[in-house]
Amino acid sequence: MSFTIISQAGCRYCRMALVHLQITDRGAKVYDIDDRPWLKTLMGQAGLKSVPQIYSPQGDHIGGFDELVEWKGYSQAGARSSK
């Protein structure tokens, strides 16, 4: 399983999120809202207005790039403290 990123062409934070996940994990599956217009509708129904929107391998909504970095910090700290 991998992370999922809802992205858009030209989005700097989308690219940063993908690079971050490629370095720290196994990468991510990327869905571009320009190629999949139904994603814009789905995001609107969920109250999401910006990209990237990032989901964990377990399907939990993380948020954008800043939330990913914060989530990864907590996730890794929790993994270290449980050893």
Protein backbone atom coordinates (compact mmCIF):
# COMPACT_ATOMS: atom_id res chain seq x y z
CA MET A 1 0.00 0.00 0.00
CA SER A 2 1.15 3.54 -0.63
CA PHE A 3 0.07 7.08 0.03
CA THR A 4 -2.43 8.74 -2.31
CA ILE A 5 -2.09 12.32 -3.53
CA ILE A 6 -4.83 14.26 -5.30
CA SER A 7 -2.82 16.70 -7.37
CA GLN A 8 -2.95 19.25 -10.17
CA ALA A 9 -0.46 20.22 -12.86
CA GLY A 10 1.79 23.08 -11.82
CA CYS A 11 1.11 22.63 -8.10
CA ARG A 12 4.38 23.22 -6.24
CA TYR A 13 3.15 21.69 -2.98
CA CYS A 14 1.87 18.61 -4.82
CA ARG A 15 5.34 18.06 -6.26
CA MET A 16 6.97 18.66 -2.87
CA ALA A 17 4.64 16.09 -1.27
CA LEU A 18 5.46 13.50 -3.92
CA VAL A 19 9.21 14.06 -3.61
CA HIS A 20 8.96 13.89 0.20
CA LEU A 21 7.12 10.57 0.01
CA GLN A 22 9.54 9.18 -2.59
CA ILE A 23 12.44 9.97 -0.25
CA THR A 24 10.87 8.83 3.03
CA ASP A 25 8.56 6.03 1.88
CA ARG A 26 7.72 3.99 -1.17
CA GLY A 27 6.22 6.93 -3.03
CA ALA A 28 2.59 7.59 -3.75
CA LYS A 29 -0.20 7.03 -6.22
CA VAL A 30 -1.03 10.39 -7.81
CA TYR A 31 -4.41 11.37 -9.23
CA ASP A 32 -4.49 14.61 -11.24
CA ILE A 33 -7.77 16.53 -11.02
CA ASP A 34 -7.23 17.87 -14.54
CA ASP A 35 -7.29 14.30 -15.89
CA ARG A 36 -10.14 13.18 -13.62
CA PRO A 37 -12.76 15.95 -13.40
CA TRP A 38 -14.96 13.82 -11.13
CA LEU A 39 -12.33 14.32 -8.41
CA LYS A 40 -13.15 18.05 -8.34
CA THR A 41 -16.78 17.16 -7.68
CA LEU A 42 -15.83 14.68 -4.97
CA MET A 43 -13.50 17.18 -3.32
CA GLY A 44 -16.22 19.83 -3.38
CA GLN A 45 -18.70 17.47 -1.74
CA ALA A 46 -16.13 16.78 0.98
CA GLY A 47 -15.48 20.51 1.48
CA LEU A 48 -11.92 20.29 0.15
CA LYS A 49 -10.89 23.30 -1.92
CA SER A 50 -7.16 22.96 -2.55
CA VAL A 51 -4.52 20.50 -3.65
CA PRO A 52 -2.66 18.50 -2.69
CA GLN A 53 -4.98 16.32 -0.68
CA ILE A 54 -3.00 13.45 0.80
CA TYR A 55 -4.24 10.14 2.21
CA SER A 56 -2.31 7.60 4.26
CA PRO A 57 -1.86 4.00 3.10
CA GLN A 58 -4.69 3.12 5.50
CA GLY A 59 -7.01 5.61 3.78
CA ASP A 60 -6.93 8.31 6.46
CA HIS A 61 -7.12 11.90 5.20
CA ILE A 62 -3.94 13.74 6.16
CA GLY A 63 -4.49 17.07 4.41
CA GLY A 64 -1.96 19.12 2.44
CA PHE A 65 1.82 19.22 2.35
CA ASP A 66 2.27 20.94 5.73
CA GLU A 67 -0.04 18.42 7.40
CA LEU A 68 1.89 15.58 5.75
CA VAL A 69 5.18 16.77 7.21
CA GLU A 70 3.57 17.17 10.64
CA TRP A 71 1.82 13.77 10.38
CA LYS A 72 5.03 12.05 9.34
CA GLY A 73 6.85 13.59 12.31
CA TYR A 74 4.24 12.30 14.75
CA SER A 75 4.02 8.96 13.00
CA GLN A 76 7.78 8.39 13.11
CA ALA A 77 8.07 9.63 16.68
CA GLY A 78 5.31 7.23 17.72
CA ALA A 79 7.02 4.35 15.96
CA ARG A 80 10.31 5.12 17.71
CA SER A 81 8.74 5.44 21.15
CA SER A 82 6.92 2.10 20.83
CA LYS A 83 10.18 0.18 20.42
